[in-house]
Amino acid sequence: MSKPDPILIGIDLGAGSLKVSAIRADGSLVAEAGAPVATATPHPGWSEQDPFDWWRAVIAAVPPVAEAACKAGSIAAISFSAGAHTQVLEDAEGQVIRPAILWNDQRSRAETQELRDLADQRILDIGANRANPTWTLPQMLWVRRQEPEAFARVKRLYLAKDWLRSRFTGTFETDTIDALGTLMLDAHKGVWSDELCAMIGWPMDTLPPIVQPRAVVGGVTAEAARLTGLPEGTPVVCGTSDTAAETFGAGMVREGLGVVKLATAATVNVLSKTARPDFALINYFHVVPDHWYVIAATNSCASAHKWLRDTFFKRPGEEGGPVFDHMDRLAAAVAPGSEGLFFHPYLNGERSPHWDPLLRADFVGAGFNHGPGHFVRALYEGVAYSLRDCLEVLRERDLGFTTARLTGGGARSPLWRQIVADVLNVTVELPAVADASFGAALLAGVGVGVFADEQAAAKAVGIVATHRPDPARSAVYDRGFPIYRDIQRALAPLNHRIHDFVGGR
């Protein structure tokens, strides 16, 4: 009697939803499901979530996938991913102290500047990254300063995917990649840094043990099995950050291949044998042992797309997907360059290459000749220009590439994929499945030996579409890109004045 197929399950916590995917060892999809997750913005620039909303999403999304997986074979392992930097603080009784501050939160601007003034280069030397409001280090300094009662209660600091995983296993640990994402880790020694933690007065006994992303950390408990439908004792693999899972799920296991992520935020990622500490870049350990991946990132991508849809195109009662399709059709009818309409996607400040949380989004160049399709296409082009800003930072440091795999929800649009290829002037490949839940499922397989190693797992990645840059369209965007940059430079001082005008915190 033949053994049942091993089924691997990945659970990814995104900024707006939780997604669960079950796959076979060949990468084919068995089942998937999702559930929404709400984000609160109690003040401008703030972004936080209730961790128990994540668990409610698990209870909604995991059972149907678990049922389908059990029918298709035997669940070999599960693993997790979530946005980096996002933390959950628990007290001595295991109670969540406050909402989780998300990676895109900008409240710790003053704390970030204080850390830079104190030890800008030293933080980069130890942590391989620069202090920014998106990192846990300045966020926790904000908690210490602004919420001292909460700070005094902290017994455990979880990263988002680790807190969620603890609901399945009851264990307390994190992986090397998420640990680095706190900016509280010594990147060279792979241990928590006394010096970095001392800069914010953070008690080191609250930090979790560190394991590899592929490590099996426990099994599904009886209670978690009852609530999710997963078999009790199913091996649980630690997992990692969403971008690490996505780049792995896209097959970025060799140098020279880039990954462009079109998700809530957008990133340009490239594999490197070493860290590249630089004030303009982000460095992470990679899932592939003895490698790093280097990032340049823009804060708003699919989130900007959704904002445009919800603000100007979606009517009451309409579903989101068909509206996106309608927007695509409108944009496709507009010529490259959007007849001089430019968009900067700075709806929540910006990272690469400006590192300015006070930048604001804009449409510039509007005239009576511009209709709804122009605004959609200008948004697509504006995000692509922002990605080119990111890619130019990498190219200047000899980290460029000529082929990129696309991940994230924005990659579903063939038009947007082609615009990215034309603006970046690179060949764009679309994997059959390449979201973080897929990457987490592959990682689960590495952890329990379904795959011999990360290279073997990458063979399960299939390519379903290829977009090559069109020379004529690329020439248009080569002319537009300097204008895009000049508009940003001209408006940056005004963005700061607008921030002061509205009384931003």
Protein backbone atom coordinates (compact mmCIF):
# COMPACT_ATOMS: atom_id res chain seq x y z
CA MET A 1 0.00 0.00 0.00
CA SER A 2 1.48 3.34 -1.06
CA LYS A 3 2.12 6.04 1.49
CA PRO A 4 -0.17 9.10 1.32
CA ASP A 5 1.26 12.21 -0.29
CA PRO A 6 2.98 14.55 2.20
CA ILE A 7 1.02 17.79 2.41
CA LEU A 8 2.69 20.97 3.63
CA ILE A 9 0.80 23.93 5.08
CA GLY A 10 1.99 27.54 5.26
CA ILE A 11 0.22 30.22 7.29
CA ASP A 12 1.06 33.83 6.48
CA LEU A 13 -0.10 36.86 8.43
CA GLY A 14 -0.27 39.83 6.08
CA ALA A 15 -1.05 43.45 6.83
CA GLY A 16 -4.67 43.12 5.73
CA SER A 17 -5.39 39.40 5.82
CA LEU A 18 -4.21 35.98 6.90
CA LYS A 19 -3.68 33.37 4.21
CA VAL A 20 -3.31 29.60 4.49
CA SER A 21 -1.96 27.38 1.69
CA ALA A 22 -1.61 23.61 1.48
CA ILE A 23 0.72 22.23 -1.20
CA ARG A 24 2.13 18.92 -2.38
CA ALA A 25 5.85 18.27 -2.61
CA ASP A 26 5.81 19.16 -6.32
CA GLY A 27 4.54 22.64 -5.47
CA SER A 28 0.98 22.07 -6.70
CA LEU A 29 -1.73 23.70 -4.65
CA VAL A 30 -4.12 21.50 -2.68
CA ALA A 31 -6.20 24.23 -1.05
CA GLU A 32 -6.02 27.80 0.17
CA ALA A 33 -8.17 30.13 2.23
CA GLY A 34 -7.94 33.55 3.80
CA ALA A 35 -9.55 35.82 6.35
CA PRO A 36 -9.36 39.60 6.82
CA VAL A 37 -7.36 41.31 9.54
CA ALA A 38 -8.21 44.85 10.64
CA THR A 39 -5.67 47.64 11.12
CA ALA A 40 -6.29 50.57 13.46
CA THR A 41 -4.83 54.04 12.83
CA PRO A 42 -5.70 55.97 16.01
CA HIS A 43 -3.36 58.81 15.00
CA PRO A 44 -1.78 59.89 11.70
CA GLY A 45 1.14 57.62 10.90
CA TRP A 46 0.13 54.98 13.45
CA SER A 47 -0.60 51.41 12.41
CA GLU A 48 -1.48 48.67 14.89
CA GLN A 49 -3.49 45.46 15.19
CA ASP A 50 -5.12 43.30 17.84
CA PRO A 51 -3.23 39.98 17.93
CA PHE A 52 -6.45 38.15 18.83
CA ASP A 53 -7.84 39.31 15.49
CA TRP A 54 -5.02 37.24 13.94
CA TRP A 55 -6.16 34.20 15.90
CA ARG A 56 -9.77 34.74 14.85
CA ALA A 57 -8.52 34.76 11.25
CA VAL A 58 -6.72 31.46 11.90
CA ILE A 59 -9.89 29.87 13.23
CA ALA A 60 -11.72 31.00 10.09
CA ALA A 61 -9.10 30.09 7.46
CA VAL A 62 -7.24 27.01 8.70
CA PRO A 63 -10.08 24.43 9.18
CA PRO A 64 -11.21 24.25 5.51
CA VAL A 65 -7.60 23.95 4.34
CA ALA A 66 -6.83 21.31 6.98
CA GLU A 67 -9.88 19.31 5.90
CA ALA A 68 -8.86 19.42 2.22
CA ALA A 69 -5.27 18.56 3.10
CA CYS A 70 -6.27 15.53 5.16
CA LYS A 71 -8.37 14.25 2.25
CA ALA A 72 -5.50 14.75 -0.22
CA GLY A 73 -2.78 13.08 1.84
CA SER A 74 -1.02 13.28 5.17
CA ILE A 75 -0.09 16.65 6.67
CA ALA A 76 3.68 16.43 7.10
CA ALA A 77 4.29 19.84 8.73
CA ILE A 78 3.11 23.42 9.04
CA SER A 79 5.07 26.66 9.20
CA PHE A 80 4.48 30.39 9.50
CA SER A 81 5.42 33.80 8.19
CA ALA A 82 4.43 37.38 8.97
CA GLY A 83 5.68 40.91 8.56
CA ALA A 84 9.02 41.62 10.22
CA HIS A 85 9.43 44.05 13.15
CA THR A 86 5.82 43.64 14.35
CA GLN A 87 5.86 42.63 18.00
CA VAL A 88 3.45 41.30 20.65
CA LEU A 89 4.15 42.15 24.29
CA GLU A 90 2.94 39.81 27.02
CA ASP A 91 3.00 40.14 30.80
CA ALA A 92 3.85 37.53 33.44
CA GLU A 93 0.33 36.08 33.21
CA GLY A 94 0.60 35.65 29.43
CA GLN A 95 -1.80 38.53 28.74
CA VAL A 96 -1.26 40.75 25.70
CA ILE A 97 -0.38 44.20 27.04
CA ARG A 98 -1.17 46.46 24.08
CA PRO A 99 -1.95 46.28 20.36
CA ALA A 100 0.90 45.17 18.13
CA ILE A 101 2.76 48.05 16.47
CA LEU A 102 3.13 47.16 12.78
CA TRP A 103 6.21 47.36 10.61
CA ASN A 104 4.80 50.35 8.68
CA ASP A 105 4.05 52.42 11.79
CA GLN A 106 5.73 55.83 11.85
CA ARG A 107 5.15 56.96 15.45
CA SER A 108 8.77 56.49 16.55
CA ARG A 109 10.24 59.24 14.37
CA ALA A 110 11.64 61.17 17.35
CA GLU A 111 13.06 58.01 18.92
CA THR A 112 14.66 57.06 15.60
CA GLN A 113 16.37 60.43 15.36
CA GLU A 114 17.53 60.13 18.95
CA LEU A 115 19.10 56.73 18.21
CA ARG A 116 20.76 58.10 15.11
CA ASP A 117 22.16 61.04 17.03
CA LEU A 118 23.37 58.69 19.75
CA ALA A 119 24.92 55.87 17.74
CA ASP A 120 23.98 55.88 14.05
CA GLN A 121 27.11 54.15 12.77
CA ARG A 122 27.43 51.86 15.77
CA ILE A 123 23.88 50.53 15.30
CA LEU A 124 24.67 49.84 11.65
CA ASP A 125 27.93 48.12 12.60
CA ILE A 126 26.25 45.78 15.09
CA GLY A 127 22.83 45.23 13.54
CA ALA A 128 23.73 45.53 9.81
CA ASN A 129 20.88 48.05 9.46
CA ARG A 130 20.10 51.66 10.26
CA ALA A 131 17.51 52.73 12.82
CA ASN A 132 14.20 53.66 11.18
CA PRO A 133 10.65 53.99 12.51
CA THR A 134 9.74 50.62 10.97
CA TRP A 135 12.15 48.69 13.22
CA THR A 136 11.37 47.23 16.63
CA LEU A 137 14.25 48.99 18.44
CA PRO A 138 12.90 52.56 18.09
CA GLN A 139 9.33 51.31 18.46
CA MET A 140 10.13 49.80 21.84
CA LEU A 141 11.93 52.98 22.89
CA TRP A 142 8.65 54.74 22.10
CA VAL A 143 6.77 52.27 24.33
CA ARG A 144 9.23 52.85 27.16
CA ARG A 145 8.88 56.64 26.86
CA GLN A 146 5.18 57.00 26.10
CA GLU A 147 3.66 53.98 27.87
CA PRO A 148 5.86 53.30 30.91
CA GLU A 149 3.15 51.25 32.63
CA ALA A 150 3.02 48.90 29.65
CA PHE A 151 6.81 48.75 29.47
CA ALA A 152 7.06 47.77 33.13
CA ARG A 153 4.72 44.80 32.61
CA VAL A 154 6.61 43.21 29.69
CA LYS A 155 7.68 39.63 30.38
CA ARG A 156 7.94 38.34 26.81
CA LEU A 157 8.47 40.00 23.44
CA TYR A 158 7.15 37.90 20.54
CA LEU A 159 7.46 38.67 16.85
CA ALA A 160 4.11 38.41 15.07
CA LYS A 161 4.50 34.99 13.48
CA ASP A 162 6.02 33.63 16.69
CA TRP A 163 3.07 34.71 18.84
CA LEU A 164 0.70 33.15 16.32
CA ARG A 165 2.75 29.94 16.24
CA SER A 166 2.82 29.82 20.04
CA ARG A 167 -0.96 29.40 19.93
CA PHE A 168 -0.31 26.09 18.16
CA THR A 169 2.65 24.85 20.21
CA GLY A 170 2.82 26.74 23.49
CA THR A 171 6.54 27.39 22.86
CA PHE A 172 8.59 30.61 22.86
CA GLU A 173 11.27 31.17 20.22
CA THR A 174 12.03 33.16 17.06
CA ASP A 175 14.16 32.59 13.99
CA THR A 176 17.40 34.27 13.01
CA ILE A 177 15.80 36.44 10.31
CA ASP A 178 13.02 37.88 12.45
CA ALA A 179 15.52 38.35 15.28
CA LEU A 180 17.67 40.46 12.97
CA GLY A 181 14.53 42.43 12.05
CA THR A 182 14.19 43.74 15.60
CA LEU A 183 17.51 45.64 15.29
CA MET A 184 18.31 44.18 18.72
CA LEU A 185 20.50 41.35 17.40
CA ASP A 186 24.24 41.24 16.91
CA ALA A 187 24.27 40.34 13.21
CA HIS A 188 27.83 39.01 13.37
CA LYS A 189 27.46 36.78 16.43
CA GLY A 190 23.84 35.76 15.90
CA VAL A 191 22.90 36.55 19.51
CA TRP A 192 20.90 39.30 21.19
CA SER A 193 23.04 42.40 21.58
CA ASP A 194 23.61 43.75 25.11
CA GLU A 195 24.74 47.03 23.61
CA LEU A 196 21.73 47.61 21.34
CA CYS A 197 19.23 46.64 24.05
CA ALA A 198 21.00 48.93 26.53
CA MET A 199 20.47 51.87 24.17
CA ILE A 200 16.74 51.70 24.88
CA GLY A 201 16.86 50.13 28.33
CA TRP A 202 15.23 46.93 27.13
CA PRO A 203 15.37 43.89 29.47
CA MET A 204 17.06 41.08 27.57
CA ASP A 205 15.33 38.35 29.56
CA THR A 206 12.14 39.20 27.66
CA LEU A 207 13.66 38.14 24.32
CA PRO A 208 13.06 34.66 22.86
CA PRO A 209 15.59 31.90 22.16
CA ILE A 210 16.81 31.97 18.55
CA VAL A 211 16.59 29.00 16.14
CA GLN A 212 16.93 28.49 12.40
CA PRO A 213 13.83 29.11 10.23
CA ARG A 214 13.74 25.41 9.29
CA ALA A 215 13.85 24.19 12.91
CA VAL A 216 11.01 21.99 14.18
CA VAL A 217 9.94 23.70 17.42
CA GLY A 218 7.04 21.51 18.56
CA GLY A 219 3.80 19.88 17.57
CA VAL A 220 0.20 21.00 17.30
CA THR A 221 -1.36 20.80 20.76
CA ALA A 222 -4.66 19.06 21.47
CA GLU A 223 -6.42 22.41 21.96
CA ALA A 224 -5.04 23.87 18.72
CA ALA A 225 -6.02 20.67 16.91
CA ARG A 226 -9.58 20.98 18.21
CA LEU A 227 -9.87 24.58 17.01
CA THR A 228 -8.14 24.25 13.63
CA GLY A 229 -8.78 20.69 12.43
CA LEU A 230 -5.06 19.96 12.16
CA PRO A 231 -4.00 16.56 13.51
CA GLU A 232 -2.64 16.71 17.03
CA GLY A 233 1.14 16.37 17.04
CA THR A 234 1.62 17.68 13.49
CA PRO A 235 5.24 18.97 13.34
CA VAL A 236 5.50 22.76 13.51
CA VAL A 237 8.47 24.44 11.81
CA CYS A 238 9.53 27.84 13.15
CA GLY A 239 9.16 29.86 9.95
CA THR A 240 10.36 33.37 9.23
CA SER A 241 9.46 36.85 7.99
CA ASP A 242 7.07 37.25 5.07
CA THR A 243 9.62 38.73 2.68
CA ALA A 244 12.11 35.96 3.41
CA ALA A 245 9.36 33.39 2.81
CA GLU A 246 8.28 35.12 -0.40
CA THR A 247 11.75 35.34 -1.86
CA PHE A 248 12.26 31.68 -1.03
CA GLY A 249 8.86 30.78 -2.48
CA ALA A 250 9.79 32.65 -5.66
CA GLY A 251 12.90 30.53 -6.04
CA MET A 252 15.54 33.14 -5.20
CA VAL A 253 18.24 30.67 -4.21
CA ARG A 254 20.97 31.79 -6.61
CA GLU A 255 22.81 35.06 -7.08
CA GLY A 256 21.85 37.27 -10.00
CA LEU A 257 18.11 36.62 -9.69
CA GLY A 258 16.05 39.38 -8.11
CA VAL A 259 12.62 39.38 -6.53
CA VAL A 260 10.25 42.32 -6.76
CA LYS A 261 7.42 42.23 -4.25
CA LEU A 262 4.17 44.04 -5.08
CA ALA A 263 2.36 43.67 -1.77
CA THR A 264 1.09 46.12 0.87
CA ALA A 265 4.56 47.58 0.56
CA ALA A 266 6.94 46.91 -2.32
CA THR A 267 10.50 45.65 -2.14
CA VAL A 268 13.38 44.94 -4.48
CA ASN A 269 15.41 41.99 -3.21
CA VAL A 270 18.65 40.39 -4.31
CA LEU A 271 20.70 37.48 -2.94
CA SER A 272 24.17 38.16 -1.55
CA LYS A 273 26.87 35.98 0.01
CA THR A 274 27.55 38.70 2.58
CA ALA A 275 25.73 41.49 4.35
CA ARG A 276 26.00 44.90 2.71
CA PRO A 277 25.70 47.32 5.65
CA ASP A 278 24.71 50.65 4.20
CA PHE A 279 22.52 53.51 5.40
CA ALA A 280 20.47 53.16 2.20
CA LEU A 281 19.84 49.38 2.33
CA ILE A 282 18.17 46.72 4.47
CA ASN A 283 20.02 43.48 5.21
CA TYR A 284 18.59 40.15 6.32
CA PHE A 285 19.87 36.62 6.71
CA HIS A 286 18.34 34.47 3.98
CA VAL A 287 16.53 31.15 4.29
CA VAL A 288 19.39 29.71 2.21
CA PRO A 289 22.21 28.99 4.69
CA ASP A 290 25.27 31.26 4.62
CA HIS A 291 23.52 33.82 2.43
CA TRP A 292 21.86 37.18 2.90
CA TYR A 293 19.27 39.04 0.95
CA VAL A 294 19.54 42.78 0.49
CA ILE A 295 16.49 45.00 0.19
CA ALA A 296 15.51 48.44 -0.98
CA ALA A 297 11.87 49.15 -0.20
CA THR A 298 8.95 51.49 -0.82
CA ASN A 299 6.25 51.77 1.84
CA SER A 300 3.05 51.77 -0.27
CA CYS A 301 2.20 49.54 -3.22
CA ALA A 302 -0.89 47.32 -3.24
CA SER A 303 -2.06 49.41 -0.29
CA ALA A 304 -1.99 52.47 -2.59
CA HIS A 305 -3.86 50.50 -5.25
CA LYS A 306 -6.54 49.53 -2.73
CA TRP A 307 -6.73 53.11 -1.47
CA LEU A 308 -7.39 54.38 -5.00
CA ARG A 309 -10.02 51.69 -5.55
CA ASP A 310 -11.84 52.27 -2.29
CA THR A 311 -11.66 56.07 -2.47
CA PHE A 312 -12.62 56.69 -6.09
CA PHE A 313 -13.82 53.54 -7.85
CA LYS A 314 -15.64 51.21 -5.47
CA ARG A 315 -19.37 51.73 -5.06
CA PRO A 316 -21.37 50.43 -2.08
CA GLY A 317 -22.01 46.70 -2.37
CA GLU A 318 -19.41 46.10 -5.07
CA GLU A 319 -16.81 43.37 -4.66
CA GLY A 320 -13.16 44.39 -4.73
CA GLY A 321 -11.86 42.01 -7.40
CA PRO A 322 -14.15 43.06 -10.28
CA VAL A 323 -13.42 46.70 -9.49
CA PHE A 324 -9.69 46.03 -9.81
CA ASP A 325 -10.35 44.37 -13.18
CA HIS A 326 -12.31 47.42 -14.30
CA MET A 327 -9.47 49.70 -13.22
CA ASP A 328 -6.99 47.57 -15.17
CA ARG A 329 -9.07 47.90 -18.33
CA LEU A 330 -9.24 51.68 -17.94
CA ALA A 331 -5.48 51.93 -17.39
CA ALA A 332 -4.67 49.66 -20.35
CA ALA A 333 -6.40 52.14 -22.67
CA VAL A 334 -3.99 54.92 -21.63
CA ALA A 335 -0.62 55.42 -23.33
CA PRO A 336 2.63 54.90 -21.39
CA GLY A 337 3.48 58.02 -19.45
CA SER A 338 -0.18 58.74 -18.62
CA GLU A 339 -0.02 61.91 -20.73
CA GLY A 340 2.15 63.65 -18.17
CA LEU A 341 0.32 62.61 -14.99
CA PHE A 342 2.73 61.51 -12.24
CA PHE A 343 2.04 59.78 -8.93
CA HIS A 344 4.31 59.40 -5.88
CA PRO A 345 3.12 56.55 -3.61
CA TYR A 346 4.10 58.14 -0.31
CA LEU A 347 0.81 57.51 1.49
CA ASN A 348 2.69 56.47 4.63
CA GLY A 349 6.05 58.20 4.28
CA GLU A 350 8.83 56.51 2.36
CA ARG A 351 11.83 54.26 2.81
CA SER A 352 14.34 53.80 -0.03
CA PRO A 353 16.02 55.92 -1.11
CA HIS A 354 14.60 58.89 0.83
CA TRP A 355 14.06 57.46 4.34
CA ASP A 356 11.63 60.24 5.12
CA PRO A 357 8.46 59.41 7.11
CA LEU A 358 7.00 62.85 6.33
CA LEU A 359 6.79 62.49 2.54
CA ARG A 360 3.23 62.55 1.22
CA ALA A 361 1.58 61.05 -1.86
CA ASP A 362 0.59 63.20 -4.82
CA PHE A 363 -0.78 63.29 -8.34
CA VAL A 364 1.07 65.96 -10.32
CA GLY A 365 0.41 67.22 -13.84
CA ALA A 366 -3.37 66.74 -14.05
CA GLY A 367 -5.29 68.41 -16.86
CA PHE A 368 -8.71 68.29 -18.50
CA ASN A 369 -7.37 65.54 -20.75
CA HIS A 370 -7.01 63.15 -17.82
CA GLY A 371 -9.74 60.68 -16.96
CA PRO A 372 -10.09 57.81 -14.48
CA GLY A 373 -7.81 55.49 -16.48
CA HIS A 374 -4.98 58.00 -16.37
CA PHE A 375 -5.06 58.06 -12.58
CA VAL A 376 -4.95 54.27 -12.38
CA ARG A 377 -2.09 53.99 -14.86
CA ALA A 378 -0.22 56.84 -13.17
CA LEU A 379 -0.48 54.92 -9.89
CA TYR A 380 0.92 51.77 -11.52
CA GLU A 381 3.72 53.80 -13.09
CA GLY A 382 4.38 55.76 -9.89
CA VAL A 383 4.88 52.60 -7.86
CA ALA A 384 7.12 51.24 -10.63
CA TYR A 385 9.13 54.48 -10.63
CA SER A 386 9.49 54.14 -6.85
CA LEU A 387 10.75 50.59 -7.39
CA ARG A 388 13.23 51.94 -9.92
CA ASP A 389 14.39 54.39 -7.25
CA CYS A 390 15.03 51.31 -5.13
CA LEU A 391 16.72 49.34 -7.89
CA GLU A 392 19.04 52.24 -8.73
CA VAL A 393 20.32 52.11 -5.14
CA LEU A 394 21.19 48.44 -5.65
CA ARG A 395 22.68 49.01 -9.10
CA GLU A 396 24.97 51.71 -7.74
CA ARG A 397 26.37 49.06 -5.39
CA ASP A 398 26.74 46.36 -8.07
CA LEU A 399 23.71 44.46 -6.78
CA GLY A 400 21.53 44.79 -9.87
CA PHE A 401 19.89 42.02 -11.88
CA THR A 402 18.38 41.49 -15.32
CA THR A 403 15.62 39.04 -14.33
CA ALA A 404 13.18 39.38 -11.46
CA ARG A 405 10.50 37.13 -10.03
CA LEU A 406 7.32 38.95 -8.99
CA THR A 407 5.47 38.24 -5.76
CA GLY A 408 2.54 39.83 -3.94
CA GLY A 409 -1.05 40.66 -4.78
CA GLY A 410 -0.13 43.38 -7.27
CA ALA A 411 1.52 40.74 -9.47
CA ARG A 412 -1.95 39.47 -10.41
CA SER A 413 -2.32 42.37 -12.86
CA PRO A 414 -0.71 41.58 -16.26
CA LEU A 415 -0.67 45.30 -17.04
CA TRP A 416 1.14 46.20 -13.83
CA ARG A 417 3.64 43.38 -14.40
CA GLN A 418 4.44 44.73 -17.85
CA ILE A 419 4.78 48.30 -16.55
CA VAL A 420 7.25 47.06 -13.94
CA ALA A 421 9.26 45.28 -16.66
CA ASP A 422 9.26 48.41 -18.85
CA VAL A 423 10.12 50.90 -16.09
CA LEU A 424 12.85 48.75 -14.51
CA ASN A 425 14.03 47.48 -17.91
CA VAL A 426 14.31 43.91 -16.62
CA THR A 427 12.64 40.63 -17.59
CA VAL A 428 9.84 39.82 -15.16
CA GLU A 429 8.78 36.25 -14.36
CA LEU A 430 5.59 35.28 -12.55
CA PRO A 431 5.78 32.11 -10.45
CA ALA A 432 2.70 29.88 -10.40
CA VAL A 433 2.43 30.43 -6.64
CA ALA A 434 4.82 32.78 -4.89
CA ASP A 435 3.20 34.33 -1.86
CA ALA A 436 4.53 34.05 1.67
CA SER A 437 2.19 31.20 2.64
CA PHE A 438 3.62 29.14 -0.24
CA GLY A 439 7.17 29.94 0.86
CA ALA A 440 6.28 29.00 4.44
CA ALA A 441 4.89 25.68 3.22
CA LEU A 442 8.12 24.97 1.32
CA LEU A 443 10.06 25.82 4.47
CA ALA A 444 7.91 23.37 6.42
CA GLY A 445 8.98 20.71 3.92
CA VAL A 446 12.66 21.54 4.39
CA GLY A 447 12.23 21.33 8.15
CA VAL A 448 10.85 17.79 8.17
CA GLY A 449 12.95 16.40 5.30
CA VAL A 450 10.35 16.34 2.53
CA PHE A 451 12.97 18.37 0.64
CA ALA A 452 16.67 17.64 1.07
CA ASP A 453 17.49 21.33 1.33
CA GLU A 454 16.43 24.80 0.18
CA GLN A 455 17.78 24.23 -3.33
CA ALA A 456 15.65 21.11 -3.70
CA ALA A 457 12.56 22.95 -2.45
CA ALA A 458 13.09 25.70 -5.06
CA LYS A 459 12.57 23.12 -7.83
CA ALA A 460 8.89 23.11 -6.86
CA VAL A 461 8.59 26.72 -8.11
CA GLY A 462 7.00 26.95 -11.57
CA ILE A 463 6.91 29.99 -13.90
CA VAL A 464 3.59 30.74 -15.62
CA ALA A 465 4.21 34.11 -17.32
CA THR A 466 7.18 36.12 -18.60
CA HIS A 467 7.22 39.84 -19.45
CA ARG A 468 10.16 41.34 -21.30
CA PRO A 469 10.74 45.09 -21.42
CA ASP A 470 9.55 46.79 -24.60
CA PRO A 471 12.29 49.17 -25.89
CA ALA A 472 9.84 51.86 -27.00
CA ARG A 473 7.93 51.92 -23.72
CA SER A 474 11.16 51.74 -21.70
CA ALA A 475 12.40 54.80 -23.60
CA VAL A 476 9.27 56.71 -22.51
CA TYR A 477 9.85 55.76 -18.90
CA ASP A 478 13.56 56.61 -19.14
CA ARG A 479 12.43 60.15 -19.99
CA GLY A 480 9.79 60.20 -17.28
CA PHE A 481 11.94 58.91 -14.43
CA PRO A 482 14.06 62.09 -14.02
CA ILE A 483 10.85 64.14 -13.93
CA TYR A 484 9.44 61.80 -11.27
CA ARG A 485 12.59 62.33 -9.19
CA ASP A 486 12.60 66.11 -9.65
CA ILE A 487 8.98 66.36 -8.52
CA GLN A 488 9.86 64.43 -5.36
CA ARG A 489 12.77 66.73 -4.59
CA ALA A 490 10.70 69.86 -5.21
CA LEU A 491 7.79 68.72 -3.03
CA ALA A 492 9.74 67.25 -0.10
CA PRO A 493 10.10 70.60 1.75
CA LEU A 494 6.40 71.30 1.16
CA ASN A 495 5.53 67.83 2.50
CA HIS A 496 7.31 68.74 5.74
CA ARG A 497 5.41 72.03 5.95
CA ILE A 498 2.12 70.20 5.37
CA HIS A 499 2.99 67.82 8.20
CA ASP A 500 3.49 70.80 10.51
CA PHE A 501 0.31 72.44 9.20
CA VAL A 502 -1.91 69.45 10.09
CA GLY A 503 -0.24 69.09 13.48
CA GLY A 504 1.23 65.63 12.86
CA ARG A 505 2.49 63.76 15.87
